[in-house]
Protein backbone atom coordinates (compact mmCIF):
# COMPACT_ATOMS: atom_id res chain seq x y z
CA UNK A 1 -39.41 -0.23 15.39
CA UNK A 2 -35.88 -0.63 16.67
CA UNK A 3 -33.65 -3.46 15.51
CA UNK A 4 -31.54 -5.14 18.11
CA UNK A 5 -27.87 -4.85 17.22
CA UNK A 6 -25.08 -6.06 19.45
CA UNK A 7 -22.19 -3.63 19.78
CA UNK A 8 -18.90 -5.51 19.96
CA UNK A 9 -15.47 -4.24 20.93
CA UNK A 10 -12.00 -5.22 19.68
CA UNK A 11 -13.15 -7.02 16.53
CA UNK A 12 -10.32 -6.59 13.99
CA UNK A 13 -11.20 -4.95 10.72
CA UNK A 14 -11.26 -7.40 7.82
CA UNK A 15 -9.02 -6.14 5.00
CA UNK A 16 -10.89 -4.90 1.96
CA UNK A 17 -10.61 -7.18 -1.02
CA UNK A 18 -8.50 -5.74 -3.77
CA UNK A 19 -6.95 -6.63 -7.05
CA UNK A 20 -3.47 -8.05 -6.75
CA UNK A 21 -0.82 -5.47 -7.44
CA UNK A 22 1.85 -5.90 -10.06
CA UNK A 23 4.33 -4.28 -7.68
CA UNK A 24 6.19 -6.30 -5.00
CA UNK A 25 5.10 -4.24 -1.97
CA UNK A 26 4.36 -7.22 0.28
CA UNK A 27 7.68 -8.93 -0.45
CA UNK A 28 9.75 -5.86 0.45
CA UNK A 29 11.77 -5.46 3.62
CA UNK A 30 12.69 -2.08 5.11
CA UNK A 31 15.38 -0.49 2.92
CA UNK A 32 14.38 -2.40 -0.25
CA UNK A 33 13.42 -0.48 -3.38
CA UNK A 34 12.34 -1.08 -6.96
CA UNK A 35 12.34 0.98 -10.15
CA UNK A 36 9.24 1.51 -12.31
CA UNK A 37 10.01 2.70 -15.83
CA UNK A 38 6.52 2.76 -17.37
CA UNK A 39 4.63 4.93 -14.83
CA UNK A 40 5.01 8.39 -13.31
CA UNK A 41 5.86 9.07 -9.67
CA UNK A 42 2.28 10.17 -8.86
CA UNK A 43 0.88 6.92 -10.27
CA UNK A 44 3.38 4.73 -8.44
CA UNK A 45 3.04 6.85 -5.30
CA UNK A 46 -0.73 6.33 -5.28
CA UNK A 47 -0.27 2.56 -5.54
CA UNK A 48 2.33 2.67 -2.76
CA UNK A 49 -0.03 4.68 -0.57
CA UNK A 50 -2.85 2.16 -1.03
CA UNK A 51 -0.49 -0.74 -0.34
CA UNK A 52 0.75 1.00 2.79
CA UNK A 53 -2.74 1.56 4.15
CA UNK A 54 -3.75 -2.04 3.54
CA UNK A 55 -0.55 -3.59 4.88
CA UNK A 56 0.41 -1.20 7.69
CA UNK A 57 3.78 -0.56 6.02
CA UNK A 58 5.25 2.72 4.80
CA UNK A 59 6.58 3.43 1.33
CA UNK A 60 8.11 6.49 -0.36
CA UNK A 61 8.15 7.11 -4.11
CA UNK A 62 10.51 9.52 -5.85
CA UNK A 63 11.22 10.52 -9.43
CA UNK A 64 14.69 9.30 -10.41
CA UNK A 65 16.61 8.99 -13.62
CA UNK A 66 14.86 6.36 -15.71
CA UNK A 67 11.47 6.45 -13.96
CA UNK A 68 10.08 6.32 -10.44
CA UNK A 69 11.62 4.45 -7.52
CA UNK A 70 9.74 3.15 -4.48
CA UNK A 71 11.39 2.43 -1.14
CA UNK A 72 9.94 0.62 1.87
CA UNK A 73 10.77 2.87 4.82
CA UNK A 74 8.86 1.21 7.68
């Protein structure tokens, strides 16, 4: 038995639901940055990567004096 499925084109992907982030990724403009003092660069970088994939923006995280800093780059 074959089910009848309709193949559709150009239907935008619905964003996956996710927990709200404690970081201000969506409020950032290109060139903005923020410092995180209670997490490591890999932890903050992972959160930035997820936020970038969901929002279509690009972020970079680096270890700096006092913690990890995240920049919005695109």
